[in-house]
Every structure is written in C-alpha cells, then in structure tokens.
Amino acid sequence: MKALQWLLTHSFCGRALAVKRVTHNKGKNTPGVDGAVWRSPASRYKAIDTLRRRGYSPQPLRRVYIPKANGKLRPLGILTMKDRAMQALYLLALLPVSETTADLNSYGFRPERSTADAIEQGFNAVGMRNSARWVLEGDIRGCFDNISHEWMLDHIPVDKEVLRKWLKAGFMENRTLFPTEAGTPQGGIISPTLANLTLDGLERLLKETFRKRKIDGKLHNLKVNFVRYADDFIITGSSKELLEDEVKPLVERFLLDRGLQLSPEKTCITHIEDGFDFLGQNLRRHGGKVLTTPSKKNMHAFCEKVRGVIRRNDSAKQVHLIGRLNPVIRGWANYHRHIVASGAFRKAEMVLWQSLWRWAKRRHLKKSAAWIAERYWHRLGAGRRYFAVMAGSNARPGRAMVAYLIDPRKIPIERHIKVRSNANPFDPRWRDYFVSRKRAKRVRSSPAW
C-alpha cells in the first residue's frame, strides 16, 4: 500500500489531477495567505511541477469565521493554492484506504454516500416492529479542532512527514501567527477524510462488545446499532440503562484516546416515541409506525430564510426575486423529498404565499387585492394561479411564461434506495453496482418543477 501511494503521489497524472481539482471548484478564486490563485492555463500547468515532496513546506492557513445554526461562529482555515493541491494529491492515495477500512454505517464525506443514506439507515435501525426503542444521540465537541496530532501521526496510513507539516502549519489571524497543537483545520481538502479515519472503528467496537447476552438463561438481542454522519451519530439500544451505563462510557473511552469528548449539551438518550432529530429530520414512532419528517428546527430555518430573501428584495423585480427564491426552495425540497414531507411542503407553500402577498401589497398600497393578484399571480394552463412573470401585456392572449416560482407541493415524494453498507467505489467488484445506481438516479432526476 505504501509503495502504491508513493507511486501515485509522485506521478505526473496524480499531480495534474490534483491541480485540476483545486482550480475547477467553487473555491478556485479564494486565495490563502500568499494571495495567489491559479487562473490561467499556463499558471496551472506550471503548478503541476511544483507539487514535490522534497523541500515542501506548507504555509499557515488564513483563518475566517462563518456563522453556525446556533448563532456561534465556526472557524475555517483557507489554505494556499499549492497546499490545497498537495492535500488533493495525497487524498488520491489516502481515500481508497479510508473507504476500505471505514465503518460500514459511516456516511459523511464519503464518495457515493449522502445524508439520505444515513437517514435511511437510521430508519432501518428504529423503524421495524422489533427494533430498539431507545436512542443515544451523540455529538462530538469541536471534533475537527481537538483531534490528537499524536494519534493521527501514529495511525493515519499516509506519508508521516507531509502529514506532520500540515498539522503543525498554524494559522494567521489579524496578521498574527498562531501555532496548532491539536486538530485538523476545517476547510482543508483532506481534513474530512482524516476525521473519518479518526472516528472509524467505533462501530466495530460496539458490535464486538454488545453481542447477544444471556439473561435468565435466555439469549437477548441488545439491539445496538450505529449510524454516523461526520461527527454526528446515533446508537440504538434495547434499554436506557444499557445506553447510559455501558454504551456511553465505552464511546467516551474510545474518543478520549483520540483527544475528543462528547458534547454534554447535544448528547442525550431519547425514547423513539418522543422522537429525535438527526441531520435536519425527525424520526418518531406514532403508534406502531415510525415516521421520518422534516424537523421543526429545520422547517423554521427554511421559513426564516425565504422570508429574509423576500425582505431583502422588497424593491427588486419579480423575475429577480423568483431567481433568488427558486434555488432555496428546490434545494430544501429535494433534501426532504425522500421522507414523509407532504405536510411540510404544504406549510412551506403557505408561508411563501403569505410572504409574497405582503411583498406585493407593500409595492402597491393603493391598488386593490384583485389587481395585485392579477398582476403577480397567473394561471398556467387550466390549473391554479402561480407567482409567475409572463411575457407581453396582460391583455395579450396566449402569453409565454418567462419565470415562475417553484411550488414545493409539486415535488414528488420518492423513497431513497440506500447504498449497500459494504459497497466500495474503489473495488472493481462493485463497479456494475454503482453504474446501475447512477443510471437509476438519472431516470429519477428532478422533474420539471
């Protein structure tokens, strides 16, 4: 494995692919501390030859902060273009190893896996008639910022010297250099894979520890199942005592070896009839059936987001407002289209209608409601009215539609087919399986809405 990694990281093809990745993504125009970007084909081709291990010394990261959902700020580290390309190069050699040794039910930051797969596996763990009734919701405090450097250098199967340089590069904030004693920076291309490799092994440990147990002379299934997406995970169990007295201490010891600890605020044990939130969705047993719906917190965040977009564009043209709202609506609806979301889609449509009606009323204070409705809402065919822009004057018959607002109620609900837990996209034996999944995904691609 080490010999193959060495060949790949020193090959021209590997270096060229690494440069292509960092110059064709959304961050291609975001510079690091040196202010350099590779825009021209000549500079990109020249950069290929600079990706050499000998004499390589990474520069400090540029520290920026982005807001989190709870109002706090999340620190991000922006690397220079050369350091990004070097990480992309070594990720080519590390990712196949990570995929081969990963936990079966880990779904975050992995190729061919998504949040929909994690949610579906969570439903499989609690949705059957004889499934576990208790769930440990786990969240790791500052996962990326606190991983032990010593543990990573001892266990991550990648070039140790290059990894050590990345971990000890430090970061710049307000023109001051700060050293990094722990963690891997959020924003680095290789950081999610390093975090996954750090957390892998917990599922295997749980399966080995909590097999069937004899109680009163009978074998009992402890129903311990594990699902993880990045640093958020759930663990099911047959009883609250099992999760609180045995599973949770085992998880804490596992994390302590890696310099990590659970977040007391976000880690709790919940009964399935009370429900729990996982990745923006809520799983809860209603009578004899478990339903997965958009969480109240996620629904509230979406409504506030579309209201904010409408408020910030109170004087914008209708077509421009539609252009800003449609990506938000489409992204949110497509994220939840695989679960029981019809009720949430109806509520979202009502919130949109109320907000847009207030937006239109503010623009025409002296006009009647009938005039405003005729001006901004139009019939598409023989159906109901939609918030849309039509070409030509209102008196012109057969006008063409220029733009219309997506109705979330028209997004069809389709059950997501979960990826097989042991499927490996780097294993040739699974090639046909992933080809068939991609083909099926194209067939089920987004409809006209």
Protein backbone atom coordinates (compact mmCIF):
# COMPACT_ATOMS: atom_id res chain seq x y z
CA MET A 1 0.00 0.00 0.00
CA LYS A 2 2.78 2.46 0.91
CA ALA A 3 4.59 1.67 -2.35
CA LEU A 4 1.44 2.34 -4.39
CA GLN A 5 0.81 5.57 -2.51
CA TRP A 6 4.38 6.68 -3.22
CA LEU A 7 4.00 5.95 -6.95
CA LEU A 8 0.70 7.83 -7.15
CA THR A 9 1.83 10.94 -5.27
CA HIS A 10 4.99 11.20 -7.42
CA SER A 11 3.27 10.62 -10.78
CA PHE A 12 2.53 13.35 -13.30
CA CYS A 13 -1.08 12.18 -13.69
CA GLY A 14 -1.71 12.38 -9.95
CA ARG A 15 -0.26 15.89 -9.72
CA ALA A 16 -2.23 17.03 -12.77
CA LEU A 17 -5.50 15.70 -11.31
CA ALA A 18 -4.79 17.46 -8.01
CA VAL A 19 -4.25 20.79 -9.77
CA LYS A 20 -7.40 20.29 -11.82
CA ARG A 21 -9.45 19.65 -8.69
CA VAL A 22 -8.41 22.83 -6.86
CA THR A 23 -8.73 25.03 -9.97
CA HIS A 24 -12.19 23.82 -11.02
CA ASN A 25 -14.17 24.05 -7.78
CA LYS A 26 -16.08 26.85 -6.03
CA GLY A 27 -13.03 27.98 -4.06
CA LYS A 28 -10.76 28.36 -7.07
CA ASN A 29 -10.73 32.17 -6.74
CA THR A 30 -10.25 32.26 -2.95
CA PRO A 31 -6.58 32.90 -2.09
CA GLY A 32 -4.66 31.84 1.02
CA VAL A 33 -2.21 33.94 2.99
CA ASP A 34 0.01 34.44 -0.08
CA GLY A 35 -2.86 35.92 -2.14
CA ALA A 36 -2.07 33.67 -5.12
CA VAL A 37 -4.64 31.95 -7.37
CA TRP A 38 -4.10 29.87 -10.49
CA ARG A 39 -6.42 31.32 -13.14
CA SER A 40 -4.57 30.95 -16.43
CA PRO A 41 -3.82 27.60 -18.12
CA ALA A 42 -0.09 28.49 -18.09
CA SER A 43 -0.05 29.02 -14.31
CA ARG A 44 -1.93 25.75 -13.76
CA TYR A 45 0.46 23.77 -15.92
CA LYS A 46 3.42 25.37 -14.18
CA ALA A 47 1.90 24.47 -10.80
CA ILE A 48 1.96 20.76 -11.63
CA ASP A 49 5.75 20.71 -11.40
CA THR A 50 5.74 22.48 -8.00
CA LEU A 51 3.95 19.61 -6.24
CA ARG A 52 7.11 17.92 -4.97
CA ARG A 53 7.67 16.26 -1.60
CA ARG A 54 11.33 17.28 -1.41
CA GLY A 55 11.62 20.75 0.09
CA TYR A 56 7.87 21.10 0.58
CA SER A 57 6.88 23.42 3.45
CA PRO A 58 3.21 24.38 3.84
CA GLN A 59 2.26 27.95 4.69
CA PRO A 60 -0.05 28.93 7.58
CA LEU A 61 -3.78 28.93 6.97
CA ARG A 62 -5.86 32.09 6.68
CA ARG A 63 -8.45 31.97 9.46
CA VAL A 64 -12.01 33.12 8.72
CA TYR A 65 -15.29 32.58 10.57
CA ILE A 66 -18.72 31.59 9.27
CA PRO A 67 -21.98 31.62 11.28
CA LYS A 68 -23.40 28.35 12.63
CA ALA A 69 -27.07 27.46 13.03
CA ASN A 70 -26.93 28.17 16.79
CA GLY A 71 -25.60 31.69 16.27
CA LYS A 72 -21.99 30.88 17.10
CA LEU A 73 -19.10 31.19 14.67
CA ARG A 74 -17.32 28.26 13.04
CA PRO A 75 -13.60 28.74 12.31
CA LEU A 76 -12.43 27.84 8.81
CA GLY A 77 -8.86 27.60 7.57
CA ILE A 78 -8.17 28.68 3.98
CA LEU A 79 -5.05 27.09 2.53
CA THR A 80 -2.87 28.44 -0.24
CA MET A 81 -3.42 27.01 -3.71
CA LYS A 82 -0.24 24.94 -3.52
CA ASP A 83 -1.14 23.46 -0.14
CA ARG A 84 -4.66 22.65 -1.41
CA ALA A 85 -3.19 20.89 -4.42
CA MET A 86 -0.76 18.92 -2.25
CA GLN A 87 -3.63 17.80 0.00
CA ALA A 88 -5.70 16.85 -3.04
CA LEU A 89 -2.74 14.81 -4.33
CA TYR A 90 -2.27 12.86 -1.11
CA LEU A 91 -6.04 12.45 -0.77
CA LEU A 92 -5.97 10.49 -4.05
CA ALA A 93 -3.71 8.00 -2.31
CA LEU A 94 -5.48 8.02 1.07
CA LEU A 95 -9.16 7.86 0.09
CA PRO A 96 -9.13 4.24 -1.24
CA VAL A 97 -7.54 3.11 2.03
CA SER A 98 -10.11 5.05 4.04
CA GLU A 99 -13.01 3.55 2.08
CA THR A 100 -11.68 0.02 2.56
CA THR A 101 -11.25 0.30 6.34
CA ALA A 102 -14.24 2.58 7.11
CA ASP A 103 -17.15 1.70 9.36
CA LEU A 104 -19.98 0.18 7.35
CA ASN A 105 -22.55 2.73 8.51
CA SER A 106 -20.47 5.88 8.26
CA TYR A 107 -21.91 8.18 5.57
CA GLY A 108 -20.35 11.62 5.93
CA PHE A 109 -17.74 12.96 3.45
CA ARG A 110 -17.52 9.69 1.56
CA PRO A 111 -17.94 9.14 -2.20
CA GLU A 112 -21.28 7.71 -3.36
CA ARG A 113 -22.85 8.29 0.09
CA SER A 114 -25.15 11.03 1.33
CA THR A 115 -27.30 12.24 4.20
CA ALA A 116 -30.25 10.40 2.63
CA ASP A 117 -28.36 7.11 3.11
CA ALA A 118 -27.68 7.96 6.77
CA ILE A 119 -31.34 8.82 7.40
CA GLU A 120 -32.50 5.62 5.70
CA GLN A 121 -30.13 3.54 7.83
CA GLY A 122 -31.38 5.34 10.93
CA PHE A 123 -34.92 4.42 9.94
CA ASN A 124 -33.84 0.81 9.42
CA ALA A 125 -32.40 0.78 12.95
CA VAL A 126 -35.57 2.02 14.68
CA GLY A 127 -38.40 1.53 12.18
CA MET A 128 -39.07 -2.19 12.40
CA ARG A 129 -41.64 -3.77 14.74
CA ASN A 130 -38.98 -5.34 16.99
CA SER A 131 -36.42 -2.54 16.67
CA ALA A 132 -34.77 -0.81 19.60
CA ARG A 133 -36.84 1.80 21.43
CA TRP A 134 -34.00 3.85 22.92
CA VAL A 135 -31.55 6.06 21.03
CA LEU A 136 -28.32 7.73 22.13
CA GLU A 137 -27.89 10.96 20.16
CA GLY A 138 -24.18 11.75 20.08
CA ASP A 139 -22.31 14.86 19.07
CA ILE A 140 -18.56 15.38 19.41
CA ARG A 141 -17.42 18.70 20.82
CA GLY A 142 -15.14 20.54 18.40
CA CYS A 143 -14.27 17.37 16.51
CA PHE A 144 -12.03 18.94 13.86
CA ASP A 145 -10.30 21.26 16.35
CA ASN A 146 -9.38 18.73 19.04
CA ILE A 147 -8.19 15.52 17.35
CA SER A 148 -4.88 14.44 18.84
CA HIS A 149 -1.94 15.03 16.49
CA GLU A 150 -0.03 12.15 18.08
CA TRP A 151 -2.88 9.73 17.43
CA MET A 152 -3.17 10.77 13.78
CA LEU A 153 0.58 10.50 13.18
CA ASP A 154 0.59 7.02 14.71
CA HIS A 155 -2.48 5.64 12.92
CA ILE A 156 -3.26 7.52 9.69
CA PRO A 157 -1.79 5.50 6.76
CA VAL A 158 -0.24 8.39 4.82
CA ASP A 159 3.22 9.97 4.47
CA LYS A 160 4.02 10.91 8.10
CA GLU A 161 6.41 13.74 7.28
CA VAL A 162 3.95 15.53 5.00
CA LEU A 163 1.08 14.96 7.46
CA ARG A 164 3.15 16.39 10.33
CA LYS A 165 3.88 19.54 8.33
CA TRP A 166 0.17 20.08 7.62
CA LEU A 167 -0.84 19.57 11.23
CA LYS A 168 1.82 21.94 12.60
CA ALA A 169 1.47 24.68 9.94
CA GLY A 170 -0.50 27.04 12.21
CA PHE A 171 -2.89 29.78 11.09
CA MET A 172 -2.85 33.54 10.56
CA GLU A 173 -5.43 35.81 12.20
CA ASN A 174 -5.16 39.60 12.37
CA ARG A 175 -1.61 39.34 10.99
CA THR A 176 -0.59 37.14 13.93
CA LEU A 177 0.70 33.57 13.59
CA PHE A 178 -0.89 31.05 15.96
CA PRO A 179 0.51 27.51 16.34
CA THR A 180 -1.75 24.45 16.09
CA GLU A 181 -1.26 21.89 18.86
CA ALA A 182 -4.31 19.72 18.07
CA GLY A 183 -6.94 19.18 15.41
CA THR A 184 -7.12 19.30 11.65
CA PRO A 185 -8.39 22.55 10.06
CA GLN A 186 -11.94 22.78 8.78
CA GLY A 187 -11.60 23.87 5.20
CA GLY A 188 -8.72 21.59 4.25
CA ILE A 189 -9.44 19.18 1.39
CA ILE A 190 -8.03 16.20 3.27
CA SER A 191 -9.47 17.14 6.70
CA PRO A 192 -12.84 15.30 6.37
CA THR A 193 -11.05 12.05 5.46
CA LEU A 194 -8.63 12.47 8.37
CA ALA A 195 -11.60 12.96 10.71
CA ASN A 196 -13.35 9.88 9.30
CA LEU A 197 -10.21 7.77 9.79
CA THR A 198 -10.01 9.02 13.37
CA LEU A 199 -13.60 8.04 14.18
CA ASP A 200 -13.63 4.75 12.26
CA GLY A 201 -13.57 1.66 14.45
CA LEU A 202 -16.33 2.68 16.85
CA GLU A 203 -18.97 0.62 15.05
CA ARG A 204 -16.75 -2.48 15.05
CA LEU A 205 -16.01 -1.97 18.76
CA LEU A 206 -19.73 -1.75 19.57
CA LYS A 207 -20.54 -4.90 17.59
CA GLU A 208 -17.77 -6.87 19.29
CA THR A 209 -18.71 -5.66 22.76
CA PHE A 210 -22.50 -5.85 22.65
CA ARG A 211 -23.32 -9.19 21.14
CA LYS A 212 -26.33 -11.24 22.27
CA ARG A 213 -26.33 -11.58 26.06
CA LYS A 214 -27.68 -14.31 28.32
CA ILE A 215 -30.30 -13.02 30.75
CA ASP A 216 -32.09 -15.57 32.97
CA GLY A 217 -30.73 -18.37 30.83
CA LYS A 218 -32.06 -16.89 27.56
CA LEU A 219 -30.20 -15.10 24.77
CA HIS A 220 -31.32 -11.49 24.33
CA ASN A 221 -30.51 -9.22 21.41
CA LEU A 222 -29.22 -5.92 22.78
CA LYS A 223 -30.20 -4.18 19.51
CA VAL A 224 -27.12 -1.97 19.45
CA ASN A 225 -26.89 -0.30 16.03
CA PHE A 226 -24.66 2.56 14.95
CA VAL A 227 -25.14 5.27 12.30
CA ARG A 228 -22.71 8.15 11.81
CA TYR A 229 -22.53 11.17 9.54
CA ALA A 230 -19.29 13.13 10.09
CA ASP A 231 -19.24 13.87 13.87
CA ASP A 232 -22.99 13.32 14.44
CA PHE A 233 -24.07 9.79 15.28
CA ILE A 234 -26.86 7.76 16.82
CA ILE A 235 -26.63 4.46 18.71
CA THR A 236 -29.72 2.38 19.41
CA GLY A 237 -30.18 0.07 22.37
CA SER A 238 -32.74 -2.23 23.97
CA SER A 239 -32.89 -0.18 27.19
CA LYS A 240 -31.97 3.22 28.57
CA GLU A 241 -29.76 1.62 31.22
CA LEU A 242 -27.72 -0.20 28.57
CA LEU A 243 -27.04 3.03 26.69
CA GLU A 244 -26.36 5.11 29.79
CA ASP A 245 -24.27 2.67 31.85
CA GLU A 246 -22.39 0.70 29.18
CA VAL A 247 -22.55 2.20 25.69
CA LYS A 248 -21.93 5.84 26.56
CA PRO A 249 -18.86 5.14 28.77
CA LEU A 250 -17.44 2.93 26.00
CA VAL A 251 -17.87 5.74 23.47
CA GLU A 252 -16.25 8.23 25.84
CA ARG A 253 -13.20 5.99 26.31
CA PHE A 254 -12.93 5.48 22.54
CA LEU A 255 -12.97 9.23 21.94
CA LEU A 256 -10.62 10.03 24.82
CA ASP A 257 -7.81 8.07 23.15
CA ARG A 258 -8.18 10.40 20.18
CA GLY A 259 -8.30 13.62 22.22
CA LEU A 260 -12.06 14.02 21.80
CA GLN A 261 -15.09 14.15 24.07
CA LEU A 262 -18.86 14.18 23.74
CA SER A 263 -20.74 17.46 23.85
CA PRO A 264 -22.90 17.44 27.03
CA GLU A 265 -25.39 19.90 25.51
CA LYS A 266 -26.12 17.84 22.38
CA THR A 267 -25.67 14.28 23.69
CA CYS A 268 -28.81 12.73 25.16
CA ILE A 269 -30.78 9.48 25.37
CA THR A 270 -34.29 9.55 23.89
CA HIS A 271 -37.20 7.16 23.56
CA ILE A 272 -38.36 6.64 20.00
CA GLU A 273 -41.92 7.66 20.92
CA ASP A 274 -40.58 11.09 21.91
CA GLY A 275 -38.62 11.27 18.67
CA PHE A 276 -35.19 12.64 17.89
CA ASP A 277 -33.64 14.93 15.29
CA PHE A 278 -30.89 13.68 13.01
CA LEU A 279 -29.43 15.64 10.08
CA GLY A 280 -32.34 18.07 9.93
CA GLN A 281 -35.02 15.38 10.05
CA ASN A 282 -37.10 13.93 12.86
CA LEU A 283 -37.66 10.22 13.45
CA ARG A 284 -40.53 9.36 15.78
CA ARG A 285 -42.83 6.43 16.42
CA HIS A 286 -46.52 7.22 16.02
CA GLY A 287 -48.47 4.24 17.32
CA GLY A 288 -46.98 1.25 15.53
CA LYS A 289 -45.23 3.18 12.76
CA VAL A 290 -42.04 5.25 12.67
CA LEU A 291 -42.28 8.37 10.50
CA THR A 292 -39.41 10.50 9.24
CA THR A 293 -40.37 14.15 8.77
CA PRO A 294 -38.51 17.47 8.47
CA SER A 295 -37.55 18.63 11.96
CA LYS A 296 -39.23 21.70 13.45
CA LYS A 297 -35.84 23.42 13.70
CA ASN A 298 -35.10 22.78 10.03
CA MET A 299 -38.57 23.91 8.99
CA HIS A 300 -38.23 27.12 10.99
CA ALA A 301 -34.80 27.84 9.50
CA PHE A 302 -36.16 27.40 5.95
CA CYS A 303 -39.14 29.70 6.58
CA GLU A 304 -36.90 32.37 8.09
CA LYS A 305 -34.52 32.07 5.15
CA VAL A 306 -37.18 32.62 2.48
CA ARG A 307 -38.72 35.46 4.49
CA GLY A 308 -35.30 37.07 4.72
CA VAL A 309 -34.77 36.75 0.96
CA ILE A 310 -38.14 38.40 0.30
CA ARG A 311 -37.50 41.22 2.79
CA ARG A 312 -34.08 41.98 1.31
CA ASN A 313 -35.59 42.21 -2.19
CA ASP A 314 -38.61 44.39 -1.44
CA SER A 315 -37.82 46.65 -4.40
CA ALA A 316 -36.46 44.02 -6.79
CA LYS A 317 -38.21 42.99 -9.98
CA GLN A 318 -40.45 39.95 -9.73
CA VAL A 319 -38.30 37.90 -12.10
CA HIS A 320 -35.18 38.60 -9.99
CA LEU A 321 -36.99 37.64 -6.77
CA ILE A 322 -38.10 34.36 -8.36
CA GLY A 323 -34.50 33.71 -9.43
CA ARG A 324 -33.31 34.12 -5.83
CA LEU A 325 -36.07 32.05 -4.23
CA ASN A 326 -36.12 29.06 -6.58
CA PRO A 327 -32.66 27.65 -5.67
CA VAL A 328 -33.53 27.88 -1.96
CA ILE A 329 -36.89 26.15 -2.42
CA ARG A 330 -35.55 23.49 -4.79
CA GLY A 331 -32.59 22.62 -2.56
CA TRP A 332 -34.68 22.34 0.60
CA ALA A 333 -37.47 20.34 -1.06
CA ASN A 334 -35.08 17.94 -2.80
CA TYR A 335 -33.30 17.31 0.51
CA HIS A 336 -36.59 16.22 2.13
CA ARG A 337 -38.24 14.59 -0.90
CA HIS A 338 -37.32 11.07 0.28
CA ILE A 339 -39.30 11.20 3.56
CA VAL A 340 -42.82 11.97 4.82
CA ALA A 341 -42.68 15.63 3.83
CA SER A 342 -46.03 16.41 2.15
CA GLY A 343 -47.32 18.27 5.21
CA ALA A 344 -44.10 20.28 5.46
CA PHE A 345 -44.30 21.12 1.75
CA ARG A 346 -47.86 22.41 2.19
CA LYS A 347 -46.77 24.59 5.10
CA ALA A 348 -43.80 25.89 3.10
CA GLU A 349 -46.14 26.83 0.22
CA MET A 350 -48.42 28.70 2.64
CA VAL A 351 -45.50 30.61 4.15
CA LEU A 352 -44.31 31.55 0.67
CA TRP A 353 -47.77 32.74 -0.38
CA GLN A 354 -48.25 34.87 2.75
CA SER A 355 -44.79 36.44 2.47
CA LEU A 356 -45.14 37.14 -1.24
CA TRP A 357 -48.61 38.63 -0.77
CA ARG A 358 -47.23 41.06 1.83
CA TRP A 359 -44.35 41.82 -0.56
CA ALA A 360 -46.79 42.66 -3.37
CA LYS A 361 -49.12 44.69 -1.10
CA ARG A 362 -46.21 46.88 0.09
CA ARG A 363 -45.36 47.71 -3.53
CA HIS A 364 -48.91 48.78 -4.43
CA LEU A 365 -50.53 50.32 -1.36
CA LYS A 366 -53.34 51.97 -3.35
CA LYS A 367 -54.22 49.00 -5.55
CA SER A 368 -56.98 46.50 -4.86
CA ALA A 369 -56.35 42.87 -3.94
CA ALA A 370 -57.87 41.74 -7.25
CA TRP A 371 -55.48 43.97 -9.21
CA ILE A 372 -52.45 42.70 -7.28
CA ALA A 373 -53.46 39.06 -7.77
CA GLU A 374 -53.95 39.63 -11.49
CA ARG A 375 -50.58 41.40 -11.72
CA TYR A 376 -48.37 38.82 -9.96
CA TRP A 377 -50.25 35.50 -9.96
CA HIS A 378 -51.08 33.83 -13.27
CA ARG A 379 -52.75 30.63 -14.37
CA LEU A 380 -50.51 28.06 -16.01
CA GLY A 381 -52.89 26.14 -18.22
CA ALA A 382 -56.25 25.38 -16.63
CA GLY A 383 -54.86 24.94 -13.12
CA ARG A 384 -54.45 27.23 -10.14
CA ARG A 385 -52.55 30.51 -10.13
CA TYR A 386 -48.80 30.70 -9.62
CA PHE A 387 -46.42 33.50 -8.74
CA ALA A 388 -45.04 34.00 -12.24
CA VAL A 389 -43.83 36.51 -14.83
CA MET A 390 -45.49 36.45 -18.24
CA ALA A 391 -44.19 37.95 -21.46
CA GLY A 392 -46.09 40.83 -23.04
CA SER A 393 -49.03 42.82 -21.70
CA ASN A 394 -51.86 41.45 -19.59
CA ALA A 395 -54.33 41.94 -22.44
CA ARG A 396 -52.35 39.84 -24.86
CA PRO A 397 -53.82 36.31 -25.22
CA GLY A 398 -51.60 33.22 -25.15
CA ARG A 399 -48.68 34.96 -23.43
CA ALA A 400 -45.49 33.00 -22.87
CA MET A 401 -44.20 32.39 -19.37
CA VAL A 402 -40.83 33.96 -18.51
CA ALA A 403 -40.33 32.63 -14.96
CA TYR A 404 -42.42 31.05 -12.22
CA LEU A 405 -41.92 30.22 -8.56
CA ILE A 406 -41.43 26.55 -7.72
CA ASP A 407 -44.33 25.08 -5.77
CA PRO A 408 -42.81 22.69 -3.18
CA ARG A 409 -46.06 20.71 -3.16
CA LYS A 410 -45.30 19.64 -6.73
CA ILE A 411 -42.02 17.96 -5.72
CA PRO A 412 -42.84 14.22 -5.80
CA ILE A 413 -42.08 12.10 -2.74
CA GLU A 414 -39.77 9.21 -3.73
CA ARG A 415 -38.29 6.67 -1.33
CA HIS A 416 -34.49 6.77 -1.37
CA ILE A 417 -32.71 3.49 -2.12
CA LYS A 418 -29.89 3.27 0.41
CA VAL A 419 -26.41 2.38 -0.74
CA ARG A 420 -25.25 -1.04 0.44
CA SER A 421 -23.21 -0.70 3.60
CA ASN A 422 -20.25 -2.72 2.35
CA ALA A 423 -20.16 -1.19 -1.16
CA ASN A 424 -16.74 0.24 -2.05
CA PRO A 425 -16.48 2.53 -5.12
CA PHE A 426 -12.76 1.70 -5.46
CA ASP A 427 -13.35 -2.06 -5.61
CA PRO A 428 -13.79 -3.30 -9.22
CA ARG A 429 -16.27 -5.90 -8.00
CA TRP A 430 -18.73 -3.09 -7.17
CA ARG A 431 -18.35 -1.20 -10.47
CA ASP A 432 -21.56 -2.55 -12.04
CA TYR A 433 -23.50 -1.79 -8.85
CA PHE A 434 -22.52 1.88 -8.83
CA VAL A 435 -23.11 2.19 -12.58
CA SER A 436 -26.65 0.89 -12.09
CA ARG A 437 -27.22 3.35 -9.20
CA LYS A 438 -26.11 6.27 -11.35
CA ARG A 439 -28.35 5.11 -14.18
CA ALA A 440 -31.33 4.84 -11.83
CA LYS A 441 -30.55 8.27 -10.39
CA ARG A 442 -30.65 9.80 -13.86
CA VAL A 443 -34.03 8.20 -14.50
CA ARG A 444 -35.34 9.62 -11.20
CA SER A 445 -33.79 13.05 -11.85
CA SER A 446 -35.68 16.17 -10.80
CA PRO A 447 -38.94 16.73 -12.70
CA ALA A 448 -39.92 19.96 -14.40
CA TRP A 449 -40.57 21.53 -11.02
